[in-house]
Full PDB file with SEQRES, HELIX, SHEET, SSBOND, CRYST1, ORIGX, SCALE, CONECT and MASTER records, all heavy atoms in Angstrom:
SEQRES   1 A   39  ALA LEU ALA ARG HIS LEU GLY ARG ALA LEU GLN LEU THR          
SEQRES   2 A   39  ASN ILE LEU ARG ASP LEU ASP GLU ASP ALA GLY ILE GLY          
SEQRES   3 A   39  ARG LEU TYR LEU ALA ARG GLU TRP LEU ASP ALA ALA GLY          
HELIX    1 AA1 LEU A    2  ARG A   17  1                                  16    
HELIX    2 AA2 LEU A   19  GLY A   24  1                                   6    
HELIX    3 AA3 ARG A   32  ALA A   37  1                                   6    
CRYST1    1.000    1.000    1.000  90.00  90.00  90.00 P 1           1          
ORIGX1      1.000000  0.000000  0.000000        0.00000                         
ORIGX2      0.000000  1.000000  0.000000        0.00000                         
ORIGX3      0.000000  0.000000  1.000000        0.00000                         
SCALE1      1.000000  0.000000  0.000000        0.00000                         
SCALE2      0.000000  1.000000  0.000000        0.00000                         
SCALE3      0.000000  0.000000  1.000000        0.00000                         
ATOM      1  N   ALA A   1      97.524 105.527 105.108  1.00  0.00           N  
ATOM      2  CA  ALA A   1      96.630 104.961 104.043  1.00  0.00           C  
ATOM      3  C   ALA A   1      96.387 105.967 102.989  1.00  0.00           C  
ATOM      4  O   ALA A   1      96.308 105.810 101.778  1.00  0.00           O  
ATOM      5  CB  ALA A   1      95.401 104.371 104.613  1.00  0.00           C  
ATOM      6  N   LEU A   2      95.964 107.305 103.440  1.00  0.00           N  
ATOM      7  CA  LEU A   2      95.622 108.333 102.472  1.00  0.00           C  
ATOM      8  C   LEU A   2      96.891 108.669 101.668  1.00  0.00           C  
ATOM      9  O   LEU A   2      96.738 108.820 100.423  1.00  0.00           O  
ATOM     10  CB  LEU A   2      95.112 109.549 103.251  1.00  0.00           C  
ATOM     11  CG  LEU A   2      94.803 110.727 102.375  1.00  0.00           C  
ATOM     12  CD1 LEU A   2      93.628 110.351 101.368  1.00  0.00           C  
ATOM     13  CD2 LEU A   2      94.381 111.956 103.341  1.00  0.00           C  
ATOM     14  N   ALA A   3      98.030 108.771 102.321  1.00  0.00           N  
ATOM     15  CA  ALA A   3      99.231 109.106 101.632  1.00  0.00           C  
ATOM     16  C   ALA A   3      99.571 108.090 100.529  1.00  0.00           C  
ATOM     17  O   ALA A   3      99.967 108.444  99.408  1.00  0.00           O  
ATOM     18  CB  ALA A   3     100.403 109.252 102.588  1.00  0.00           C  
ATOM     19  N   ARG A   4      99.361 106.786 100.863  1.00  0.00           N  
ATOM     20  CA  ARG A   4      99.682 105.688  99.964  1.00  0.00           C  
ATOM     21  C   ARG A   4      98.830 105.834  98.669  1.00  0.00           C  
ATOM     22  O   ARG A   4      99.336 105.816  97.558  1.00  0.00           O  
ATOM     23  CB  ARG A   4      99.375 104.343 100.596  1.00  0.00           C  
ATOM     24  CG  ARG A   4      99.400 103.185  99.630  1.00  0.00           C  
ATOM     25  CD  ARG A   4      99.111 101.890 100.257  1.00  0.00           C  
ATOM     26  NE  ARG A   4      99.006 100.828  99.226  1.00  0.00           N  
ATOM     27  CZ  ARG A   4      99.923 100.211  98.683  1.00  0.00           C  
ATOM     28  NH1 ARG A   4     101.246 100.611  98.843  1.00  0.00           N  
ATOM     29  NH2 ARG A   4      99.891  99.225  97.682  1.00  0.00           N  
ATOM     30  N   HIS A   5      97.518 106.036  98.858  1.00  0.00           N  
ATOM     31  CA  HIS A   5      96.640 106.024  97.683  1.00  0.00           C  
ATOM     32  C   HIS A   5      96.641 107.349  96.961  1.00  0.00           C  
ATOM     33  O   HIS A   5      96.704 107.433  95.743  1.00  0.00           O  
ATOM     34  CB  HIS A   5      95.274 105.666  98.081  1.00  0.00           C  
ATOM     35  CG  HIS A   5      95.186 104.175  98.553  1.00  0.00           C  
ATOM     36  ND1 HIS A   5      95.402 103.130  97.662  1.00  0.00           N  
ATOM     37  CD2 HIS A   5      94.919 103.638  99.719  1.00  0.00           C  
ATOM     38  CE1 HIS A   5      95.331 101.953  98.308  1.00  0.00           C  
ATOM     39  NE2 HIS A   5      95.032 102.205  99.560  1.00  0.00           N  
ATOM     40  N   LEU A   6      96.503 108.455  97.667  1.00  0.00           N  
ATOM     41  CA  LEU A   6      96.438 109.760  97.017  1.00  0.00           C  
ATOM     42  C   LEU A   6      97.808 110.092  96.390  1.00  0.00           C  
ATOM     43  O   LEU A   6      97.828 110.643  95.312  1.00  0.00           O  
ATOM     44  CB  LEU A   6      95.944 110.773  98.013  1.00  0.00           C  
ATOM     45  CG  LEU A   6      95.712 112.152  97.367  1.00  0.00           C  
ATOM     46  CD1 LEU A   6      94.675 112.079  96.264  1.00  0.00           C  
ATOM     47  CD2 LEU A   6      95.201 113.227  98.418  1.00  0.00           C  
ATOM     48  N   GLY A   7      98.910 109.765  97.061  1.00  0.00           N  
ATOM     49  CA  GLY A   7     100.172 110.000  96.500  1.00  0.00           C  
ATOM     50  C   GLY A   7     100.358 109.308  95.063  1.00  0.00           C  
ATOM     51  O   GLY A   7     100.825 109.874  94.118  1.00  0.00           O  
ATOM     52  N   ARG A   8     100.010 108.044  95.106  1.00  0.00           N  
ATOM     53  CA  ARG A   8     100.147 107.303  93.787  1.00  0.00           C  
ATOM     54  C   ARG A   8      99.095 107.900  92.758  1.00  0.00           C  
ATOM     55  O   ARG A   8      99.498 107.954  91.582  1.00  0.00           O  
ATOM     56  CB  ARG A   8      99.827 105.846  94.093  1.00  0.00           C  
ATOM     57  CG  ARG A   8     100.971 105.074  94.747  1.00  0.00           C  
ATOM     58  CD  ARG A   8     100.591 103.725  95.314  1.00  0.00           C  
ATOM     59  NE  ARG A   8     101.713 102.879  95.695  1.00  0.00           N  
ATOM     60  CZ  ARG A   8     102.393 103.128  96.810  1.00  0.00           C  
ATOM     61  NH1 ARG A   8     102.062 104.086  97.605  1.00  0.00           N  
ATOM     62  NH2 ARG A   8     103.455 102.346  97.019  1.00  0.00           N  
ATOM     63  N   ALA A   9      97.910 108.259  93.139  1.00  0.00           N  
ATOM     64  CA  ALA A   9      96.971 108.741  92.204  1.00  0.00           C  
ATOM     65  C   ALA A   9      97.470 110.001  91.578  1.00  0.00           C  
ATOM     66  O   ALA A   9      97.455 110.182  90.334  1.00  0.00           O  
ATOM     67  CB  ALA A   9      95.619 109.038  92.861  1.00  0.00           C  
ATOM     68  N   LEU A  10      98.064 110.940  92.344  1.00  0.00           N  
ATOM     69  CA  LEU A  10      98.535 112.210  91.918  1.00  0.00           C  
ATOM     70  C   LEU A  10      99.740 111.968  90.961  1.00  0.00           C  
ATOM     71  O   LEU A  10      99.939 112.572  89.983  1.00  0.00           O  
ATOM     72  CB  LEU A  10      98.896 113.149  93.009  1.00  0.00           C  
ATOM     73  CG  LEU A  10      97.800 113.524  93.985  1.00  0.00           C  
ATOM     74  CD1 LEU A  10      98.282 114.486  95.079  1.00  0.00           C  
ATOM     75  CD2 LEU A  10      96.550 114.155  93.270  1.00  0.00           C  
ATOM     76  N   GLN A  11     100.678 111.056  91.433  1.00  0.00           N  
ATOM     77  CA  GLN A  11     101.860 110.803  90.599  1.00  0.00           C  
ATOM     78  C   GLN A  11     101.582 110.220  89.264  1.00  0.00           C  
ATOM     79  O   GLN A  11     102.125 110.665  88.221  1.00  0.00           O  
ATOM     80  CB  GLN A  11     102.857 109.935  91.365  1.00  0.00           C  
ATOM     81  CG  GLN A  11     104.201 109.800  90.656  1.00  0.00           C  
ATOM     82  CD  GLN A  11     104.967 111.095  90.467  1.00  0.00           C  
ATOM     83  OE1 GLN A  11     104.801 111.977  91.300  1.00  0.00           O  
ATOM     84  NE2 GLN A  11     105.809 111.146  89.559  1.00  0.00           N  
ATOM     85  N   LEU A  12     100.632 109.232  89.243  1.00  0.00           N  
ATOM     86  CA  LEU A  12     100.160 108.583  87.908  1.00  0.00           C  
ATOM     87  C   LEU A  12      99.580 109.650  87.046  1.00  0.00           C  
ATOM     88  O   LEU A  12      99.757 109.708  85.786  1.00  0.00           O  
ATOM     89  CB  LEU A  12      99.324 107.420  88.261  1.00  0.00           C  
ATOM     90  CG  LEU A  12      99.951 106.240  88.932  1.00  0.00           C  
ATOM     91  CD1 LEU A  12      98.857 105.198  89.277  1.00  0.00           C  
ATOM     92  CD2 LEU A  12     100.943 105.563  88.022  1.00  0.00           C  
ATOM     93  N   THR A  13      98.819 110.561  87.651  1.00  0.00           N  
ATOM     94  CA  THR A  13      98.198 111.659  86.855  1.00  0.00           C  
ATOM     95  C   THR A  13      99.281 112.559  86.313  1.00  0.00           C  
ATOM     96  O   THR A  13      99.264 112.926  85.054  1.00  0.00           O  
ATOM     97  CB  THR A  13      97.257 112.427  87.711  1.00  0.00           C  
ATOM     98  OG1 THR A  13      96.210 111.643  88.212  1.00  0.00           O  
ATOM     99  CG2 THR A  13      96.612 113.578  86.934  1.00  0.00           C  
ATOM    100  N   ASN A  14     100.293 112.856  87.047  1.00  0.00           N  
ATOM    101  CA  ASN A  14     101.355 113.737  86.541  1.00  0.00           C  
ATOM    102  C   ASN A  14     102.201 112.977  85.424  1.00  0.00           C  
ATOM    103  O   ASN A  14     102.648 113.645  84.508  1.00  0.00           O  
ATOM    104  CB  ASN A  14     102.266 114.085  87.699  1.00  0.00           C  
ATOM    105  CG  ASN A  14     101.799 115.284  88.528  1.00  0.00           C  
ATOM    106  OD1 ASN A  14     101.089 116.087  88.040  1.00  0.00           O  
ATOM    107  ND2 ASN A  14     102.115 115.331  89.804  1.00  0.00           N  
ATOM    108  N   ILE A  15     102.372 111.654  85.669  1.00  0.00           N  
ATOM    109  CA  ILE A  15     103.062 110.937  84.596  1.00  0.00           C  
ATOM    110  C   ILE A  15     102.408 111.072  83.279  1.00  0.00           C  
ATOM    111  O   ILE A  15     102.960 111.284  82.240  1.00  0.00           O  
ATOM    112  CB  ILE A  15     103.199 109.430  85.025  1.00  0.00           C  
ATOM    113  CG1 ILE A  15     104.307 109.318  86.076  1.00  0.00           C  
ATOM    114  CG2 ILE A  15     103.516 108.557  83.802  1.00  0.00           C  
ATOM    115  CD1 ILE A  15     104.347 107.922  86.785  1.00  0.00           C  
ATOM    116  N   LEU A  16     101.053 110.984  83.228  1.00  0.00           N  
ATOM    117  CA  LEU A  16     100.235 111.044  82.104  1.00  0.00           C  
ATOM    118  C   LEU A  16     100.178 112.436  81.511  1.00  0.00           C  
ATOM    119  O   LEU A  16     100.174 112.711  80.336  1.00  0.00           O  
ATOM    120  CB  LEU A  16      98.848 110.606  82.386  1.00  0.00           C  
ATOM    121  CG  LEU A  16      98.651 109.106  82.604  1.00  0.00           C  
ATOM    122  CD1 LEU A  16      97.273 108.768  83.104  1.00  0.00           C  
ATOM    123  CD2 LEU A  16      98.943 108.297  81.288  1.00  0.00           C  
ATOM    124  N   ARG A  17     100.336 113.440  82.353  1.00  0.00           N  
ATOM    125  CA  ARG A  17     100.329 114.782  81.987  1.00  0.00           C  
ATOM    126  C   ARG A  17     101.627 115.276  81.352  1.00  0.00           C  
ATOM    127  O   ARG A  17     101.689 116.097  80.562  1.00  0.00           O  
ATOM    128  CB  ARG A  17      99.923 115.732  83.170  1.00  0.00           C  
ATOM    129  CG  ARG A  17      99.516 117.072  82.898  1.00  0.00           C  
ATOM    130  CD  ARG A  17      99.260 117.782  84.208  1.00  0.00           C  
ATOM    131  NE  ARG A  17      98.570 119.061  84.052  1.00  0.00           N  
ATOM    132  CZ  ARG A  17      98.376 119.923  85.002  1.00  0.00           C  
ATOM    133  NH1 ARG A  17      98.878 119.706  86.176  1.00  0.00           N  
ATOM    134  NH2 ARG A  17      97.710 121.121  84.804  1.00  0.00           N  
ATOM    135  N   ASP A  18     102.723 114.588  81.736  1.00  0.00           N  
ATOM    136  CA  ASP A  18     104.084 115.064  81.442  1.00  0.00           C  
ATOM    137  C   ASP A  18     104.795 114.120  80.429  1.00  0.00           C  
ATOM    138  O   ASP A  18     105.985 114.103  80.380  1.00  0.00           O  
ATOM    139  CB  ASP A  18     104.899 115.064  82.689  1.00  0.00           C  
ATOM    140  CG  ASP A  18     104.447 116.161  83.721  1.00  0.00           C  
ATOM    141  OD1 ASP A  18     103.792 117.099  83.235  1.00  0.00           O  
ATOM    142  OD2 ASP A  18     104.748 116.057  84.854  1.00  0.00           O  
ATOM    143  N   LEU A  19     104.037 113.305  79.668  1.00  0.00           N  
ATOM    144  CA  LEU A  19     104.599 112.331  78.742  1.00  0.00           C  
ATOM    145  C   LEU A  19     105.608 113.010  77.765  1.00  0.00           C  
ATOM    146  O   LEU A  19     106.695 112.530  77.674  1.00  0.00           O  
ATOM    147  CB  LEU A  19     103.513 111.657  77.963  1.00  0.00           C  
ATOM    148  CG  LEU A  19     102.688 110.635  78.570  1.00  0.00           C  
ATOM    149  CD1 LEU A  19     101.512 110.189  77.709  1.00  0.00           C  
ATOM    150  CD2 LEU A  19     103.491 109.420  79.012  1.00  0.00           C  
ATOM    151  N   ASP A  20     105.236 114.057  77.207  1.00  0.00           N  
ATOM    152  CA  ASP A  20     106.121 114.816  76.256  1.00  0.00           C  
ATOM    153  C   ASP A  20     107.297 115.387  76.888  1.00  0.00           C  
ATOM    154  O   ASP A  20     108.541 115.272  76.388  1.00  0.00           O  
ATOM    155  CB  ASP A  20     105.379 115.858  75.423  1.00  0.00           C  
ATOM    156  CG  ASP A  20     104.274 115.155  74.649  1.00  0.00           C  
ATOM    157  OD1 ASP A  20     104.558 114.571  73.583  1.00  0.00           O  
ATOM    158  OD2 ASP A  20     103.088 115.294  75.029  1.00  0.00           O  
ATOM    159  N   GLU A  21     107.080 116.103  78.109  1.00  0.00           N  
ATOM    160  CA  GLU A  21     108.243 116.699  78.763  1.00  0.00           C  
ATOM    161  C   GLU A  21     109.264 115.659  79.239  1.00  0.00           C  
ATOM    162  O   GLU A  21     110.476 115.831  79.145  1.00  0.00           O  
ATOM    163  CB  GLU A  21     107.752 117.510  79.961  1.00  0.00           C  
ATOM    164  CG  GLU A  21     106.944 118.711  79.530  1.00  0.00           C  
ATOM    165  CD  GLU A  21     105.444 118.440  79.368  1.00  0.00           C  
ATOM    166  OE1 GLU A  21     105.131 117.263  79.188  1.00  0.00           O  
ATOM    167  OE2 GLU A  21     104.715 119.455  79.251  1.00  0.00           O  
ATOM    168  N   ASP A  22     108.738 114.549  79.735  1.00  0.00           N  
ATOM    169  CA  ASP A  22     109.641 113.439  80.197  1.00  0.00           C  
ATOM    170  C   ASP A  22     110.432 112.886  79.058  1.00  0.00           C  
ATOM    171  O   ASP A  22     111.661 112.595  79.145  1.00  0.00           O  
ATOM    172  CB  ASP A  22     108.888 112.440  80.986  1.00  0.00           C  
ATOM    173  CG  ASP A  22     108.366 112.938  82.333  1.00  0.00           C  
ATOM    174  OD1 ASP A  22     108.931 113.849  82.884  1.00  0.00           O  
ATOM    175  OD2 ASP A  22     107.278 112.377  82.808  1.00  0.00           O  
ATOM    176  N   ALA A  23     109.759 112.660  77.930  1.00  0.00           N  
ATOM    177  CA  ALA A  23     110.434 111.998  76.811  1.00  0.00           C  
ATOM    178  C   ALA A  23     111.572 112.929  76.322  1.00  0.00           C  
ATOM    179  O   ALA A  23     112.563 112.514  75.859  1.00  0.00           O  
ATOM    180  CB  ALA A  23     109.456 111.730  75.738  1.00  0.00           C  
ATOM    181  N   GLY A  24     111.316 114.261  76.416  1.00  0.00           N  
ATOM    182  CA  GLY A  24     112.332 115.251  75.992  1.00  0.00           C  
ATOM    183  C   GLY A  24     113.601 115.132  76.795  1.00  0.00           C  
ATOM    184  O   GLY A  24     114.660 115.580  76.259  1.00  0.00           O  
ATOM    185  N   ILE A  25     113.593 114.582  78.022  1.00  0.00           N  
ATOM    186  CA  ILE A  25     114.890 114.388  78.671  1.00  0.00           C  
ATOM    187  C   ILE A  25     115.133 112.862  78.860  1.00  0.00           C  
ATOM    188  O   ILE A  25     115.875 112.393  79.705  1.00  0.00           O  
ATOM    189  CB  ILE A  25     114.773 114.993  80.216  1.00  0.00           C  
ATOM    190  CG1 ILE A  25     113.581 114.513  80.967  1.00  0.00           C  
ATOM    191  CG2 ILE A  25     114.741 116.449  80.039  1.00  0.00           C  
ATOM    192  CD1 ILE A  25     113.614 114.996  82.388  1.00  0.00           C  
ATOM    193  N   GLY A  26     114.521 112.057  77.945  1.00  0.00           N  
ATOM    194  CA  GLY A  26     114.962 110.613  77.828  1.00  0.00           C  
ATOM    195  C   GLY A  26     114.234 109.728  78.794  1.00  0.00           C  
ATOM    196  O   GLY A  26     114.808 108.686  79.060  1.00  0.00           O  
ATOM    197  N   ARG A  27     113.068 110.103  79.367  1.00  0.00           N  
ATOM    198  CA  ARG A  27     112.474 109.285  80.336  1.00  0.00           C  
ATOM    199  C   ARG A  27     111.000 108.912  79.883  1.00  0.00           C  
ATOM    200  O   ARG A  27     110.353 109.546  79.137  1.00  0.00           O  
ATOM    201  CB  ARG A  27     112.297 110.058  81.653  1.00  0.00           C  
ATOM    202  CG  ARG A  27     113.700 110.329  82.364  1.00  0.00           C  
ATOM    203  CD  ARG A  27     113.556 111.170  83.593  1.00  0.00           C  
ATOM    204  NE  ARG A  27     114.847 111.519  84.150  1.00  0.00           N  
ATOM    205  CZ  ARG A  27     115.034 112.447  85.021  1.00  0.00           C  
ATOM    206  NH1 ARG A  27     113.991 113.093  85.611  1.00  0.00           N  
ATOM    207  NH2 ARG A  27     116.248 112.684  85.534  1.00  0.00           N  
ATOM    208  N   LEU A  28     110.589 107.736  80.436  1.00  0.00           N  
ATOM    209  CA  LEU A  28     109.196 107.233  80.075  1.00  0.00           C  
ATOM    210  C   LEU A  28     108.810 106.394  81.292  1.00  0.00           C  
ATOM    211  O   LEU A  28     109.391 105.354  81.556  1.00  0.00           O  
ATOM    212  CB  LEU A  28     109.198 106.379  78.823  1.00  0.00           C  
ATOM    213  CG  LEU A  28     108.030 105.788  78.412  1.00  0.00           C  
ATOM    214  CD1 LEU A  28     106.974 106.837  77.912  1.00  0.00           C  
ATOM    215  CD2 LEU A  28     108.209 104.732  77.300  1.00  0.00           C  
ATOM    216  N   TYR A  29     107.782 106.900  81.948  1.00  0.00           N  
ATOM    217  CA  TYR A  29     107.400 106.325  83.209  1.00  0.00           C  
ATOM    218  C   TYR A  29     106.193 105.332  83.046  1.00  0.00           C  
ATOM    219  O   TYR A  29     105.827 104.687  84.008  1.00  0.00           O  
ATOM    220  CB  TYR A  29     106.990 107.325  84.249  1.00  0.00           C  
ATOM    221  CG  TYR A  29     108.177 108.130  84.685  1.00  0.00           C  
ATOM    222  CD1 TYR A  29     108.406 109.450  84.154  1.00  0.00           C  
ATOM    223  CD2 TYR A  29     109.028 107.746  85.635  1.00  0.00           C  
ATOM    224  CE1 TYR A  29     109.492 110.194  84.472  1.00  0.00           C  
ATOM    225  CE2 TYR A  29     110.144 108.557  86.129  1.00  0.00           C  
ATOM    226  CZ  TYR A  29     110.318 109.797  85.501  1.00  0.00           C  
ATOM    227  OH  TYR A  29     111.438 110.537  85.884  1.00  0.00           O  
ATOM    228  N   LEU A  30     105.658 105.172  81.884  1.00  0.00           N  
ATOM    229  CA  LEU A  30     104.639 104.115  81.641  1.00  0.00           C  
ATOM    230  C   LEU A  30     105.205 102.768  81.807  1.00  0.00           C  
ATOM    231  O   LEU A  30     106.282 102.444  81.287  1.00  0.00           O  
ATOM    232  CB  LEU A  30     103.941 104.286  80.251  1.00  0.00           C  
ATOM    233  CG  LEU A  30     103.192 105.625  79.902  1.00  0.00           C  
ATOM    234  CD1 LEU A  30     102.727 105.575  78.500  1.00  0.00           C  
ATOM    235  CD2 LEU A  30     102.097 105.693  80.911  1.00  0.00           C  
ATOM    236  N   ALA A  31     104.516 101.892  82.521  1.00  0.00           N  
ATOM    237  CA  ALA A  31     105.005 100.553  82.797  1.00  0.00           C  
ATOM    238  C   ALA A  31     105.179  99.709  81.510  1.00  0.00           C  
ATOM    239  O   ALA A  31     104.313  99.880  80.655  1.00  0.00           O  
ATOM    240  CB  ALA A  31     104.076  99.846  83.743  1.00  0.00           C  
ATOM    241  N   ARG A  32     106.175  98.918  81.537  1.00  0.00           N  
ATOM    242  CA  ARG A  32     106.470  98.060  80.362  1.00  0.00           C  
ATOM    243  C   ARG A  32     105.280  97.175  80.089  1.00  0.00           C  
ATOM    244  O   ARG A  32     105.015  96.804  79.009  1.00  0.00           O  
ATOM    245  CB  ARG A  32     107.789  97.324  80.559  1.00  0.00           C  
ATOM    246  CG  ARG A  32     107.771  96.219  81.603  1.00  0.00           C  
ATOM    247  CD  ARG A  32     109.089  95.522  81.726  1.00  0.00           C  
ATOM    248  NE  ARG A  32     110.144  96.487  82.062  1.00  0.00           N  
ATOM    249  CZ  ARG A  32     111.346  96.115  82.549  1.00  0.00           C  
ATOM    250  NH1 ARG A  32     111.643  94.834  82.559  1.00  0.00           N  
ATOM    251  NH2 ARG A  32     112.189  97.045  82.957  1.00  0.00           N  
ATOM    252  N   GLU A  33     104.686  96.690  81.170  1.00  0.00           N  
ATOM    253  CA  GLU A  33     103.541  95.782  80.981  1.00  0.00           C  
ATOM    254  C   GLU A  33     102.408  96.447  80.176  1.00  0.00           C  
ATOM    255  O   GLU A  33     101.681  95.851  79.415  1.00  0.00           O  
ATOM    256  CB  GLU A  33     102.893  95.312  82.389  1.00  0.00           C  
ATOM    257  CG  GLU A  33     103.857  94.368  83.080  1.00  0.00           C  
ATOM    258  CD  GLU A  33     104.811  95.053  84.046  1.00  0.00           C  
ATOM    259  OE1 GLU A  33     105.115  96.339  83.768  1.00  0.00           O  
ATOM    260  OE2 GLU A  33     105.320  94.462  84.978  1.00  0.00           O  
ATOM    261  N   TRP A  34     102.249  97.749  80.423  1.00  0.00           N  
ATOM    262  CA  TRP A  34     101.178  98.497  79.734  1.00  0.00           C  
ATOM    263  C   TRP A  34     101.548  98.692  78.247  1.00  0.00           C  
ATOM    264  O   TRP A  34     100.703  98.598  77.301  1.00  0.00           O  
ATOM    265  CB  TRP A  34     100.919  99.862  80.353  1.00  0.00           C  
ATOM    266  CG  TRP A  34     100.457  99.822  81.740  1.00  0.00           C  
ATOM    267  CD1 TRP A  34      99.772  98.821  82.310  1.00  0.00           C  
ATOM    268  CD2 TRP A  34     100.680 100.878  82.756  1.00  0.00           C  
ATOM    269  NE1 TRP A  34      99.451  99.095  83.653  1.00  0.00           N  
ATOM    270  CE2 TRP A  34     100.082 100.329  83.901  1.00  0.00           C  
ATOM    271  CE3 TRP A  34     101.297 102.063  82.730  1.00  0.00           C  
ATOM    272  CZ2 TRP A  34     100.013 101.105  85.107  1.00  0.00           C  
ATOM    273  CZ3 TRP A  34     101.380 102.690  83.967  1.00  0.00           C  
ATOM    274  CH2 TRP A  34     100.736 102.294  85.143  1.00  0.00           C  
ATOM    275  N   LEU A  35     102.865  98.893  78.008  1.00  0.00           N  
ATOM    276  CA  LEU A  35     103.323  99.003  76.592  1.00  0.00           C  
ATOM    277  C   LEU A  35     103.205  97.748  75.916  1.00  0.00           C  
ATOM    278  O   LEU A  35     102.761  97.692  74.674  1.00  0.00           O  
ATOM    279  CB  LEU A  35     104.755  99.550  76.591  1.00  0.00           C  
ATOM    280  CG  LEU A  35     105.020 100.897  77.241  1.00  0.00           C  
ATOM    281  CD1 LEU A  35     106.522 101.244  77.218  1.00  0.00           C  
ATOM    282  CD2 LEU A  35     104.312 102.016  76.471  1.00  0.00           C  
ATOM    283  N   ASP A  36     103.565  96.684  76.545  1.00  0.00           N  
ATOM    284  CA  ASP A  36     103.484  95.298  75.931  1.00  0.00           C  
ATOM    285  C   ASP A  36     102.077  95.035  75.557  1.00  0.00           C  
ATOM    286  O   ASP A  36     101.802  94.520  74.433  1.00  0.00           O  
ATOM    287  CB  ASP A  36     104.019  94.286  76.859  1.00  0.00           C  
ATOM    288  CG  ASP A  36     105.569  94.331  77.030  1.00  0.00           C  
ATOM    289  OD1 ASP A  36     106.162  94.907  76.212  1.00  0.00           O  
ATOM    290  OD2 ASP A  36     106.033  93.741  78.037  1.00  0.00           O  
ATOM    291  N   ALA A  37     101.086  95.380  76.427  1.00  0.00           N  
ATOM    292  CA  ALA A  37      99.665  95.042  76.217  1.00  0.00           C  
ATOM    293  C   ALA A  37      99.125  95.889  75.097  1.00  0.00           C  
ATOM    294  O   ALA A  37      98.250  95.483  74.348  1.00  0.00           O  
ATOM    295  CB  ALA A  37      98.862  95.345  77.458  1.00  0.00           C  
ATOM    296  N   ALA A  38      99.804  97.102  74.866  1.00  0.00           N  
ATOM    297  CA  ALA A  38      99.447  97.893  73.719  1.00  0.00           C  
ATOM    298  C   ALA A  38     100.094  97.554  72.410  1.00  0.00           C  
ATOM    299  O   ALA A  38      99.792  98.082  71.322  1.00  0.00           O  
ATOM    300  CB  ALA A  38      99.748  99.347  74.080  1.00  0.00           C  
ATOM    301  N   GLY A  39     100.968  96.556  72.500  1.00  0.00           N  
ATOM    302  CA  GLY A  39     101.743  96.137  71.263  1.00  0.00           C  
ATOM    303  C   GLY A  39     102.903  97.029  70.908  1.00  0.00           C  
ATOM    304  O   GLY A  39     103.424  96.998  69.810  1.00  0.00           O  
TER     305      GLY A  39                                                      
MASTER        0    0    0    3    0    0    0    6  304    1    0    3          
END                                                                             
């Protein structure tokens, strides 16, 4: 249970921290539903 929740929390934090680095290699981990909601 701890692994499930803390693992996801840490990974989502890293996704937000690494937006520019990931885009630099052609990746974007933000969910399409979030992008759609933002227009």
